[in-house]
Amino acid sequence: MTLFANKQHQRILALWFPRLPAERVLRQRFGRSWRSRMPATQPPLLFSSRENNTQRVAALDERAAALGLRCGLGIAEARAMHTSVEVIEAEPEADRRLLEALADWCDRYTPLVALDGEDGLFLDITGCAHLFGGERALLDDLLARFFHQGFEVRAVLASTPGAAWAAARYGTDSVIEQGEEAGSIASLPLAALRLNAKICAGLESVGLRFAGAILDLPRAPLVRRFGKIVTLRIDQALGRVDEPISPRLAVPALIMERHFAEPIALMEDIETLVTALSRQLKSELERRGEGAQLLQLQLFRVDGAVARINVATSRPSRDPAVIRRLFHEKLSVCAPDLDAGFGFDLVRLAVMAAAPLEEEQVRLDAAGPDRDGDMTLFADKVRARLGERALTRPQMVESHIPERAARPVSLCAQHSSALHSSSARSAPPPGLAALATAARQRPIRLFDHPESIDITSAEVPEGPPSHFRWRRASYRVAAAEGPERIAPEWWRDGQSGTRDYFRVEDDSGRRYWLYRQGFYDDPEAAPRWFMHGVFA
């Protein structure tokens, strides 16, 4: 399917997880079905965090809330009220990771998923609800799946993030139709408009206790006394001002997926599905005149975990056989770490990056294979199996220091930069031409780090050495060229000294590239010699 969003009929689904820290701990202890497995002797849970040198309740479970405990209460006071409670130190990072995992799982409904604070999510399901039988069917499916995974969640669907957020936390509606935002939030408290406690207290002090009381008030007095944030929140909730959500993951250009009533777990079945889905992608890519350069296989597990497997191509491709071979290599590496659990009930193949691909006329006699294509496929298979850094190419860098003049980059880095940056297709900097000329005089093997050598004799003050010792062996210099002086890059490392490079040949015909750092007439420090590379 092709992803698009019609802003005129935008539909936002807000999710709120009021007991996320407690559910994280209980799921770890008793599994997804903790509600039925948790023993009756399990004490109520409190999560503490330090606030102004005082340990306070940061979160709590349902039973602790039923006892009258609340967030913000001191831990000592809570223990005095109910001695049976269990207190656990809050772990915001663990809660954040769980929320991100839930956001990944929600990708089964829409790729436009954004985090909302520490306990909520926004899903832009515009144009997606019909795939699940309508908005209410989508809501029912989502709530049922979360319940079976052990999560309590409030879900509200509206045309604006503000209205959906307000109803999810303070209201009772589950679906708010377009144009009904004002009526749905009118009876809710001021906090439903996402105003801070200080502003809410100020509004309540003048008798304005509900959101509906300020929706139609004159704006100038509100702004003058409480700031522009009040009117901004009102306009966002009512849809007068756009409030876009920022997806936490890149949105695919194309998606093909397959749902299963009975989950699958075998790698052979997954590879077969990759072929079937890539054939569906091929027709759409042909219609667009494009080829895929970055593909992602998304495997949605029954228990909510999501596995994402990426494969990059050196040049655009839409051949299903090529795509299957690349994923075969990748899956063969990932298989030991890919836990299928109870199986995958949704498999998705997404094109994350594409580029123009024109059809090429093949030779009528079909003489000889496509050597370039064979090498490209070989490189892609090696990178799929061994990683993106398994095959690299040198990239020139504008620097006079030899070890900085080139850097290894992945083969696919060229394509990704060309896709996302117009500067990648521009002419190289003029200084690189001089660097390329100098590179032809450099040794074939350049050491990553220059190695120290001992000079037994050298022409003073700036001549080449006549003898040197390197790697516990002595060498006699028969011929030498140089020096080639390279000054330090003072704007990067002003402490390094000037280098004088020499190309030398020993009495056995072996050639080396070495340099002297410093000068013999320097009274503060004696010069040092280094071996930086060897010629053929």
Protein backbone atom coordinates (compact mmCIF):
# COMPACT_ATOMS: atom_id res chain seq x y z
CA MET A 1 0.00 0.00 0.00
CA THR A 2 1.08 3.60 -0.54
CA LEU A 3 1.13 5.83 2.51
CA PHE A 4 -0.54 9.24 2.41
CA ALA A 5 -2.27 11.62 4.78
CA ASN A 6 -5.26 13.83 4.06
CA LYS A 7 -5.02 16.68 6.54
CA GLN A 8 -8.66 17.66 5.99
CA HIS A 9 -9.81 14.36 7.48
CA GLN A 10 -6.96 13.68 9.87
CA ARG A 11 -7.67 11.08 12.53
CA ILE A 12 -5.45 10.81 15.59
CA LEU A 13 -5.52 7.94 18.08
CA ALA A 14 -4.25 8.84 21.56
CA LEU A 15 -3.16 6.04 23.89
CA TRP A 16 -2.58 6.46 27.62
CA PHE A 17 -0.99 3.82 29.86
CA PRO A 18 -1.81 4.89 33.43
CA ARG A 19 -0.03 1.92 35.12
CA LEU A 20 2.95 1.39 32.84
CA PRO A 21 5.71 1.04 35.53
CA ALA A 22 3.65 -1.44 37.56
CA GLU A 23 2.74 -3.47 34.50
CA ARG A 24 6.39 -3.62 33.48
CA VAL A 25 7.34 -5.16 36.84
CA LEU A 26 4.35 -7.51 37.03
CA ARG A 27 4.93 -8.77 33.49
CA GLN A 28 8.53 -9.53 34.39
CA ARG A 29 7.46 -11.47 37.46
CA PHE A 30 4.39 -13.33 36.24
CA GLY A 31 4.40 -13.04 32.42
CA ARG A 32 1.87 -11.52 30.05
CA SER A 33 -1.04 -13.17 31.88
CA TRP A 34 -0.03 -11.66 35.21
CA ARG A 35 -3.62 -10.71 36.05
CA SER A 36 -4.59 -14.39 36.35
CA ARG A 37 -1.23 -15.65 37.64
CA MET A 38 -0.51 -13.05 40.32
CA PRO A 39 -1.00 -14.56 43.80
CA ALA A 40 -3.47 -12.98 46.20
CA THR A 41 -0.62 -12.36 48.64
CA GLN A 42 1.14 -9.98 46.24
CA PRO A 43 1.34 -6.61 48.08
CA PRO A 44 0.38 -3.34 46.40
CA LEU A 45 3.24 -1.71 44.46
CA LEU A 46 4.62 1.78 44.92
CA PHE A 47 7.42 3.33 42.87
CA SER A 48 9.54 5.95 44.59
CA SER A 49 11.70 8.76 43.23
CA ARG A 50 13.62 11.53 44.97
CA GLU A 51 12.09 14.98 44.81
CA ASN A 52 13.60 17.86 46.82
CA ASN A 53 15.49 15.45 49.10
CA THR A 54 12.29 13.53 49.77
CA GLN A 55 11.27 10.10 48.50
CA ARG A 56 7.83 10.43 46.93
CA VAL A 57 5.42 8.14 45.10
CA ALA A 58 6.14 8.38 41.36
CA ALA A 59 3.77 5.60 40.22
CA LEU A 60 1.56 2.90 41.70
CA ASP A 61 -0.57 -0.06 40.68
CA GLU A 62 -4.34 -0.47 40.77
CA ARG A 63 -4.51 -1.94 44.28
CA ALA A 64 -2.38 0.84 45.74
CA ALA A 65 -4.65 3.41 44.10
CA ALA A 66 -7.71 1.61 45.56
CA LEU A 67 -6.19 2.09 49.02
CA GLY A 68 -6.31 5.86 48.56
CA LEU A 69 -2.61 6.34 47.78
CA ARG A 70 -1.65 8.79 45.05
CA CYS A 71 1.36 10.05 43.13
CA GLY A 72 3.30 12.79 44.92
CA LEU A 73 2.64 11.38 48.37
CA GLY A 74 5.71 10.91 50.57
CA ILE A 75 6.91 7.32 50.83
CA ALA A 76 7.14 7.54 54.64
CA GLU A 77 3.54 8.77 54.79
CA ALA A 78 2.39 6.01 52.44
CA ARG A 79 4.10 3.35 54.59
CA ALA A 80 2.48 4.82 57.70
CA MET A 81 -0.94 4.59 56.06
CA HIS A 82 -0.43 1.03 54.74
CA THR A 83 2.49 -0.98 56.05
CA SER A 84 1.93 -3.85 53.60
CA VAL A 85 2.88 -1.94 50.45
CA GLU A 86 5.98 -2.91 48.44
CA VAL A 87 8.19 0.01 47.47
CA ILE A 88 10.36 -0.20 44.33
CA GLU A 89 12.78 2.39 43.05
CA ALA A 90 11.44 3.99 39.87
CA GLU A 91 13.33 3.25 36.64
CA PRO A 92 12.41 5.91 34.07
CA GLU A 93 14.78 4.50 31.47
CA ALA A 94 13.22 1.03 31.69
CA ASP A 95 9.75 2.56 31.41
CA ARG A 96 10.91 4.55 28.38
CA ARG A 97 12.24 1.41 26.67
CA LEU A 98 8.93 -0.34 27.28
CA LEU A 99 7.01 2.61 25.84
CA GLU A 100 9.24 2.56 22.75
CA ALA A 101 8.62 -1.18 22.38
CA LEU A 102 4.87 -0.52 22.52
CA ALA A 103 5.30 2.18 19.88
CA ASP A 104 7.09 -0.36 17.67
CA TRP A 105 4.23 -2.79 18.13
CA CYS A 106 1.67 -0.11 17.20
CA ASP A 107 3.41 0.14 13.85
CA ARG A 108 1.11 -2.71 12.78
CA TYR A 109 -1.70 -0.13 12.57
CA THR A 110 0.20 2.83 11.10
CA PRO A 111 3.85 3.82 10.63
CA LEU A 112 3.04 7.30 11.98
CA VAL A 113 3.57 6.62 15.69
CA ALA A 114 4.92 9.27 18.07
CA LEU A 115 5.77 9.19 21.77
CA ASP A 116 3.65 11.36 24.04
CA GLY A 117 5.51 12.09 27.25
CA GLU A 118 6.35 9.19 29.56
CA ASP A 119 3.10 7.24 29.37
CA GLY A 120 1.36 7.91 26.07
CA LEU A 121 1.43 7.49 22.30
CA PHE A 122 -0.05 9.28 19.31
CA LEU A 123 -1.04 7.27 16.22
CA ASP A 124 -1.97 9.02 13.00
CA ILE A 125 -4.35 6.47 11.45
CA THR A 126 -5.53 8.72 8.63
CA GLY A 127 -6.40 6.48 5.70
CA CYS A 128 -5.62 3.28 7.64
CA ALA A 129 -8.84 2.46 9.49
CA HIS A 130 -10.53 0.79 6.49
CA LEU A 131 -7.78 -1.85 6.47
CA PHE A 132 -9.09 -3.09 9.83
CA GLY A 133 -12.80 -2.81 9.14
CA GLY A 134 -13.34 0.76 10.33
CA GLU A 135 -12.36 2.94 13.26
CA ARG A 136 -14.27 1.07 15.94
CA ALA A 137 -13.03 -2.28 14.70
CA LEU A 138 -9.46 -0.95 14.82
CA LEU A 139 -10.02 0.29 18.38
CA ASP A 140 -11.52 -3.03 19.49
CA ASP A 141 -8.62 -4.97 17.97
CA LEU A 142 -6.01 -2.70 19.59
CA LEU A 143 -7.62 -2.79 23.05
CA ALA A 144 -8.06 -6.56 22.95
CA ARG A 145 -4.44 -7.13 21.98
CA PHE A 146 -3.14 -4.82 24.71
CA PHE A 147 -5.33 -6.54 27.30
CA HIS A 148 -3.97 -9.96 26.36
CA GLN A 149 -0.45 -8.57 26.70
CA GLY A 150 -1.19 -7.38 30.23
CA PHE A 151 -1.56 -3.62 29.69
CA GLU A 152 -4.27 -1.25 30.81
CA VAL A 153 -4.75 1.42 28.16
CA ARG A 154 -7.17 4.23 27.44
CA ALA A 155 -7.64 4.87 23.71
CA VAL A 156 -9.53 7.77 22.11
CA LEU A 157 -9.86 8.62 18.44
CA ALA A 158 -10.36 12.24 17.37
CA SER A 159 -9.48 14.67 14.61
CA THR A 160 -6.91 16.55 16.70
CA PRO A 161 -4.17 15.34 19.06
CA GLY A 162 -5.36 17.77 21.73
CA ALA A 163 -8.94 16.47 21.82
CA ALA A 164 -7.81 12.84 21.74
CA TRP A 165 -5.30 13.47 24.56
CA ALA A 166 -7.91 15.21 26.73
CA ALA A 167 -10.55 12.49 26.33
CA ALA A 168 -8.05 9.67 26.87
CA ARG A 169 -7.00 11.01 30.28
CA TYR A 170 -10.10 12.76 31.57
CA GLY A 171 -13.07 11.81 29.41
CA THR A 172 -15.28 8.82 28.67
CA ASP A 173 -15.64 8.99 24.88
CA SER A 174 -13.73 6.54 22.71
CA VAL A 175 -14.48 8.06 19.29
CA ILE A 176 -14.91 11.79 18.73
CA GLU A 177 -16.25 12.66 15.33
CA GLN A 178 -14.90 15.61 13.38
CA GLY A 179 -16.47 18.87 14.54
CA GLU A 180 -17.46 17.49 17.96
CA GLU A 181 -14.22 18.41 19.74
CA ALA A 182 -15.64 21.37 21.67
CA GLY A 183 -18.56 19.37 23.06
CA SER A 184 -16.37 16.45 24.07
CA ILE A 185 -13.92 18.52 26.14
CA ALA A 186 -16.30 21.16 27.52
CA SER A 187 -17.05 19.23 30.73
CA LEU A 188 -13.45 18.17 31.34
CA PRO A 189 -11.13 19.85 33.87
CA LEU A 190 -8.71 22.57 32.77
CA ALA A 191 -5.79 20.13 32.91
CA ALA A 192 -7.36 18.35 29.94
CA LEU A 193 -6.14 21.25 27.77
CA ARG A 194 -2.53 20.36 28.71
CA LEU A 195 -2.08 23.47 30.86
CA ASN A 196 0.38 23.36 33.74
CA ALA A 197 -0.72 23.37 37.38
CA LYS A 198 0.12 27.05 37.92
CA ILE A 199 -2.11 28.23 35.06
CA CYS A 200 -4.92 25.89 36.11
CA ALA A 201 -4.75 27.23 39.68
CA GLY A 202 -4.89 30.81 38.40
CA LEU A 203 -7.94 30.10 36.23
CA GLU A 204 -9.70 28.26 39.04
CA SER A 205 -9.08 31.19 41.39
CA VAL A 206 -11.37 33.32 39.22
CA GLY A 207 -14.08 30.65 39.01
CA LEU A 208 -13.07 28.98 35.71
CA ARG A 209 -12.94 25.30 36.60
CA PHE A 210 -13.78 23.49 33.37
CA ALA A 211 -12.39 23.60 29.83
CA GLY A 212 -15.73 24.70 28.41
CA ALA A 213 -15.66 27.82 30.55
CA ILE A 214 -12.70 29.29 28.67
CA LEU A 215 -13.32 28.06 25.12
CA ASP A 216 -15.33 31.13 24.10
CA LEU A 217 -13.91 33.77 26.44
CA PRO A 218 -12.38 36.96 24.98
CA ARG A 219 -8.80 36.15 24.07
CA ALA A 220 -7.04 39.38 24.89
CA PRO A 221 -7.64 39.17 28.68
CA LEU A 222 -6.66 35.48 28.72
CA VAL A 223 -3.39 36.13 26.91
CA ARG A 224 -2.61 39.22 28.98
CA ARG A 225 -3.04 37.39 32.30
CA PHE A 226 -2.08 33.78 31.58
CA GLY A 227 0.00 33.90 28.40
CA LYS A 228 -0.41 32.70 24.83
CA ILE A 229 -0.19 29.04 25.79
CA VAL A 230 -3.86 29.04 26.89
CA THR A 231 -5.24 30.14 23.54
CA LEU A 232 -2.75 27.92 21.71
CA ARG A 233 -3.94 24.82 23.57
CA ILE A 234 -7.56 25.73 22.89
CA ASP A 235 -6.88 26.17 19.16
CA GLN A 236 -4.93 22.91 18.99
CA ALA A 237 -7.71 20.96 20.69
CA LEU A 238 -10.38 22.44 18.41
CA GLY A 239 -8.35 22.03 15.23
CA ARG A 240 -7.91 25.74 14.51
CA VAL A 241 -4.12 25.32 14.60
CA ASP A 242 -2.32 22.35 13.11
CA GLU A 243 -0.43 20.18 15.60
CA PRO A 244 1.60 17.66 13.60
CA ILE A 245 2.99 14.61 15.33
CA SER A 246 6.59 13.58 14.72
CA PRO A 247 6.93 9.85 13.96
CA ARG A 248 9.76 8.24 15.92
CA LEU A 249 10.73 6.05 12.94
CA ALA A 250 11.24 6.83 9.28
CA VAL A 251 8.08 6.47 7.21
CA PRO A 252 8.45 3.89 4.41
CA ALA A 253 7.80 4.90 0.83
CA LEU A 254 5.99 1.60 0.11
CA ILE A 255 4.65 -1.20 2.28
CA MET A 256 3.46 -4.70 1.49
CA GLU A 257 2.28 -6.90 4.34
CA ARG A 258 0.58 -10.20 5.12
CA HIS A 259 -1.57 -11.01 8.19
CA PHE A 260 -1.97 -14.56 9.52
CA ALA A 261 -4.70 -16.17 11.54
CA GLU A 262 -2.17 -18.82 12.59
CA PRO A 263 1.29 -17.39 13.42
CA ILE A 264 4.36 -18.63 11.52
CA ALA A 265 7.82 -19.26 12.96
CA LEU A 266 9.92 -21.12 10.35
CA MET A 267 12.63 -19.25 8.44
CA GLU A 268 11.61 -21.06 5.25
CA ASP A 269 8.11 -19.61 5.53
CA ILE A 270 9.49 -16.13 6.12
CA GLU A 271 11.75 -16.36 3.04
CA THR A 272 8.82 -17.53 0.95
CA LEU A 273 6.83 -14.55 2.15
CA VAL A 274 9.69 -12.21 1.27
CA THR A 275 9.50 -13.45 -2.32
CA ALA A 276 5.72 -13.02 -2.46
CA LEU A 277 5.82 -9.53 -0.97
CA SER A 278 8.72 -8.44 -3.19
CA ARG A 279 6.69 -9.45 -6.25
CA GLN A 280 3.91 -7.15 -5.07
CA LEU A 281 6.45 -4.37 -4.53
CA LYS A 282 7.87 -4.88 -8.01
CA SER A 283 4.69 -3.86 -9.81
CA GLU A 284 4.37 -0.68 -7.76
CA LEU A 285 8.05 0.18 -8.21
CA GLU A 286 7.73 -0.37 -11.97
CA ARG A 287 4.78 1.98 -12.06
CA ARG A 288 6.88 4.62 -10.32
CA GLY A 289 9.98 3.95 -12.39
CA GLU A 290 12.00 3.32 -9.21
CA GLY A 291 14.08 0.65 -7.57
CA ALA A 292 14.58 -0.10 -3.89
CA GLN A 293 17.88 0.82 -2.26
CA LEU A 294 16.97 0.10 1.36
CA LEU A 295 14.44 -2.57 2.35
CA GLN A 296 13.21 -3.46 5.81
CA LEU A 297 11.60 -6.73 6.83
CA GLN A 298 9.35 -6.23 9.86
CA LEU A 299 8.27 -9.28 11.85
CA PHE A 300 5.50 -8.67 14.39
CA ARG A 301 5.45 -11.30 17.11
CA VAL A 302 2.22 -12.40 18.79
CA ASP A 303 3.41 -11.18 22.21
CA GLY A 304 4.14 -7.65 20.94
CA ALA A 305 7.86 -7.83 20.13
CA VAL A 306 8.93 -6.51 16.72
CA ALA A 307 12.04 -7.53 14.76
CA ARG A 308 13.35 -5.24 12.02
CA ILE A 309 15.87 -6.53 9.48
CA ASN A 310 17.42 -4.12 6.98
CA VAL A 311 19.00 -4.91 3.63
CA ALA A 312 20.68 -2.33 1.38
CA THR A 313 21.49 -2.59 -2.31
CA SER A 314 24.44 -0.97 -4.06
CA ARG A 315 22.22 0.09 -6.94
CA PRO A 316 18.42 0.32 -7.24
CA SER A 317 16.69 -3.02 -7.69
CA ARG A 318 13.18 -4.44 -7.86
CA ASP A 319 14.03 -8.01 -8.83
CA PRO A 320 12.25 -10.39 -6.39
CA ALA A 321 14.98 -13.03 -6.84
CA VAL A 322 17.70 -10.55 -5.85
CA ILE A 323 15.70 -9.34 -2.85
CA ARG A 324 15.13 -12.90 -1.66
CA ARG A 325 18.82 -13.79 -1.96
CA LEU A 326 19.83 -10.74 0.06
CA PHE A 327 17.34 -11.49 2.82
CA HIS A 328 18.40 -15.14 2.76
CA GLU A 329 21.96 -14.04 3.59
CA LYS A 330 20.74 -11.65 6.28
CA LEU A 331 18.36 -14.15 7.87
CA SER A 332 21.04 -16.83 7.95
CA VAL A 333 23.07 -14.52 10.17
CA CYS A 334 20.15 -13.23 12.26
CA ALA A 335 18.44 -16.62 12.73
CA PRO A 336 20.28 -17.57 15.97
CA ASP A 337 19.26 -14.28 17.60
CA LEU A 338 15.79 -14.09 16.06
CA ASP A 339 13.41 -15.42 18.70
CA ALA A 340 10.10 -16.31 17.07
CA GLY A 341 8.43 -16.96 20.43
CA PHE A 342 4.85 -18.02 19.75
CA GLY A 343 5.22 -16.97 16.12
CA PHE A 344 4.72 -13.94 13.90
CA ASP A 345 1.18 -12.92 12.99
CA LEU A 346 2.19 -10.05 10.70
CA VAL A 347 5.06 -9.90 8.19
CA ARG A 348 5.77 -6.64 6.38
CA LEU A 349 8.23 -5.71 3.64
CA ALA A 350 8.85 -1.97 3.39
CA VAL A 351 10.86 0.17 0.98
CA MET A 352 12.67 2.68 3.18
CA ALA A 353 14.61 4.36 0.35
CA ALA A 354 14.17 4.26 -3.42
CA ALA A 355 15.85 5.80 -6.46
CA PRO A 356 15.00 6.14 -10.17
CA LEU A 357 15.59 2.94 -12.15
CA GLU A 358 15.37 2.92 -15.92
CA GLU A 359 14.92 -0.21 -17.97
CA GLU A 360 18.04 -1.21 -19.93
CA GLN A 361 18.08 -2.95 -23.32
CA VAL A 362 19.85 -6.31 -23.06
CA ARG A 363 21.98 -7.72 -25.87
CA LEU A 364 19.99 -9.78 -28.35
CA ASP A 365 22.68 -12.45 -28.55
CA ALA A 366 22.81 -12.62 -24.72
CA ALA A 367 26.58 -13.14 -24.99
CA GLY A 368 28.34 -12.93 -21.65
CA PRO A 369 26.96 -12.30 -18.19
CA ASP A 370 26.37 -8.91 -16.63
CA ARG A 371 29.72 -8.59 -14.91
CA ASP A 372 28.83 -5.33 -13.21
CA GLY A 373 25.55 -6.77 -11.96
CA ASP A 374 27.27 -9.91 -10.68
CA MET A 375 29.80 -7.88 -8.71
CA THR A 376 27.08 -5.62 -7.33
CA LEU A 377 25.04 -8.60 -6.16
CA PHE A 378 28.14 -10.19 -4.67
CA ALA A 379 28.92 -7.00 -2.73
CA ASP A 380 25.33 -6.77 -1.48
CA LYS A 381 25.35 -10.39 -0.31
CA VAL A 382 28.64 -9.93 1.53
CA ARG A 383 27.33 -6.83 3.28
CA ALA A 384 24.05 -8.56 4.14
CA ARG A 385 25.93 -11.45 5.77
CA LEU A 386 28.93 -9.68 7.34
CA GLY A 387 27.63 -6.16 7.94
CA GLU A 388 27.76 -2.77 6.28
CA ARG A 389 31.44 -2.24 7.12
CA ALA A 390 32.58 -5.52 5.56
CA LEU A 391 33.15 -3.82 2.20
CA THR A 392 34.32 -0.22 2.12
CA ARG A 393 35.72 2.24 -0.38
CA PRO A 394 38.13 5.12 0.22
CA GLN A 395 36.69 8.59 0.23
CA MET A 396 38.95 11.60 -0.24
CA VAL A 397 38.98 14.16 2.57
CA GLU A 398 40.31 17.68 2.33
CA SER A 399 43.30 17.33 4.67
CA HIS A 400 47.08 17.53 4.22
CA ILE A 401 47.79 14.98 6.95
CA PRO A 402 48.26 11.64 5.13
CA GLU A 403 46.33 9.49 7.59
CA ARG A 404 43.39 11.90 7.32
CA ALA A 405 43.42 12.41 3.54
CA ALA A 406 41.13 9.42 2.99
CA ARG A 407 38.65 7.54 5.09
CA PRO A 408 36.86 4.23 4.52
CA VAL A 409 33.09 4.46 4.00
CA SER A 410 30.50 1.79 3.39
CA LEU A 411 29.56 1.09 -0.20
CA CYS A 412 25.95 2.02 0.48
CA ALA A 413 26.90 5.34 2.08
CA GLN A 414 27.26 6.82 -1.40
CA HIS A 415 23.66 6.01 -2.26
CA SER A 416 22.20 7.12 1.06
CA SER A 417 23.96 10.47 0.86
CA ALA A 418 22.84 10.90 -2.75
CA LEU A 419 19.25 10.25 -1.70
CA HIS A 420 19.16 12.71 1.17
CA SER A 421 21.62 15.42 0.20
CA SER A 422 21.82 17.48 -2.96
CA SER A 423 25.45 18.29 -2.18
CA ALA A 424 26.37 14.66 -2.82
CA ARG A 425 25.76 15.23 -6.52
CA SER A 426 27.71 18.49 -6.69
CA ALA A 427 31.30 18.85 -7.86
CA PRO A 428 34.01 17.88 -5.34
CA PRO A 429 35.86 20.65 -3.53
CA PRO A 430 38.70 22.12 -5.61
CA GLY A 431 41.27 21.18 -2.97
CA LEU A 432 40.63 17.48 -3.54
CA ALA A 433 42.28 17.58 -6.97
CA ALA A 434 45.61 18.49 -5.39
CA LEU A 435 45.10 15.78 -2.79
CA ALA A 436 44.47 13.20 -5.50
CA THR A 437 47.69 14.21 -7.25
CA ALA A 438 49.64 13.88 -4.02
CA ALA A 439 48.01 10.51 -3.35
CA ARG A 440 49.74 9.06 -6.42
CA GLN A 441 53.07 9.66 -4.66
CA ARG A 442 51.94 7.94 -1.49
CA PRO A 443 52.83 4.32 -0.63
CA ILE A 444 50.48 1.50 -1.49
CA ARG A 445 50.27 0.51 2.15
CA LEU A 446 49.80 3.40 4.54
CA PHE A 447 49.85 2.52 8.24
CA ASP A 448 46.90 3.62 10.33
CA HIS A 449 49.32 4.81 12.97
CA PRO A 450 52.94 5.79 12.20
CA GLU A 451 55.46 3.48 13.87
CA SER A 452 58.46 4.83 15.71
CA ILE A 453 61.90 4.02 14.28
CA ASP A 454 65.48 4.52 15.53
CA ILE A 455 67.84 6.52 13.34
CA THR A 456 71.49 5.59 13.72
CA SER A 457 72.72 8.30 11.38
CA ALA A 458 71.19 11.07 9.27
CA GLU A 459 72.23 14.18 7.40
CA VAL A 460 71.95 17.18 9.67
CA PRO A 461 70.01 19.42 9.80
CA GLU A 462 67.36 18.40 7.23
CA GLY A 463 68.73 15.46 5.27
CA PRO A 464 67.51 11.85 4.93
CA PRO A 465 68.76 9.04 7.15
CA SER A 466 71.55 6.73 6.06
CA HIS A 467 70.73 3.95 8.55
CA PHE A 468 67.61 3.19 10.55
CA ARG A 469 66.23 0.40 12.75
CA TRP A 470 62.59 -0.65 12.50
CA ARG A 471 60.82 -3.68 14.00
CA ARG A 472 64.08 -4.97 15.46
CA ALA A 473 65.82 -5.02 12.06
CA SER A 474 68.49 -2.68 10.67
CA TYR A 475 68.33 -1.12 7.19
CA ARG A 476 70.92 0.73 5.12
CA VAL A 477 69.57 3.49 2.87
CA ALA A 478 70.86 3.31 -0.72
CA ALA A 479 68.78 6.15 -2.20
CA ALA A 480 66.42 8.82 -0.92
CA GLU A 481 64.04 11.51 -2.21
CA GLY A 482 62.76 14.44 -0.23
CA PRO A 483 62.02 16.11 1.98
CA GLU A 484 58.30 16.80 1.49
CA ARG A 485 57.30 19.12 4.28
CA ILE A 486 53.77 18.88 5.74
CA ALA A 487 52.82 21.46 8.34
CA PRO A 488 50.36 20.60 11.12
CA GLU A 489 46.71 21.57 10.93
CA TRP A 490 46.86 24.17 13.68
CA TRP A 491 43.07 24.58 13.77
CA ARG A 492 42.67 20.90 14.74
CA ASP A 493 45.78 19.88 16.67
CA GLY A 494 48.23 22.72 17.14
CA GLN A 495 50.45 20.60 19.40
CA SER A 496 51.76 18.27 16.64
CA GLY A 497 54.97 19.27 14.93
CA THR A 498 56.01 19.77 11.32
CA ARG A 499 56.79 16.60 9.34
CA ASP A 500 59.53 16.13 6.73
CA TYR A 501 58.74 13.04 4.62
CA PHE A 502 61.34 11.00 2.68
CA ARG A 503 60.96 8.21 0.16
CA VAL A 504 63.92 5.91 0.80
CA GLU A 505 65.18 2.67 -0.74
CA ASP A 506 67.40 0.21 1.12
CA ASP A 507 70.28 -1.80 -0.33
CA SER A 508 67.88 -4.71 -1.06
CA GLY A 509 65.56 -2.59 -3.23
CA ARG A 510 62.73 -2.23 -0.69
CA ARG A 511 61.17 1.24 -0.53
CA TYR A 512 59.77 2.97 2.54
CA TRP A 513 58.01 6.19 3.42
CA LEU A 514 59.24 7.73 6.64
CA TYR A 515 59.31 11.17 8.19
CA ARG A 516 61.06 13.29 10.76
CA GLN A 517 58.97 15.25 13.22
CA GLY A 518 60.80 18.23 14.65
CA PHE A 519 64.20 19.77 13.85
CA TYR A 520 67.74 19.06 14.98
CA ASP A 521 68.34 22.73 15.76
CA ASP A 522 65.40 22.84 18.18
CA PRO A 523 66.92 23.32 21.64
CA GLU A 524 63.76 22.22 23.47
CA ALA A 525 63.11 18.79 21.90
CA ALA A 526 65.08 16.35 19.77
CA PRO A 527 63.48 15.23 16.48
CA ARG A 528 61.73 11.88 16.24
CA TRP A 529 61.49 9.55 13.24
CA PHE A 530 58.49 7.46 12.17
CA MET A 531 57.70 4.84 9.53
CA HIS A 532 54.39 5.68 7.84
CA GLY A 533 54.13 3.26 4.91
CA VAL A 534 55.80 0.94 2.43
CA PHE A 535 55.83 0.99 -1.38
CA ALA A 536 55.41 -2.01 -3.68
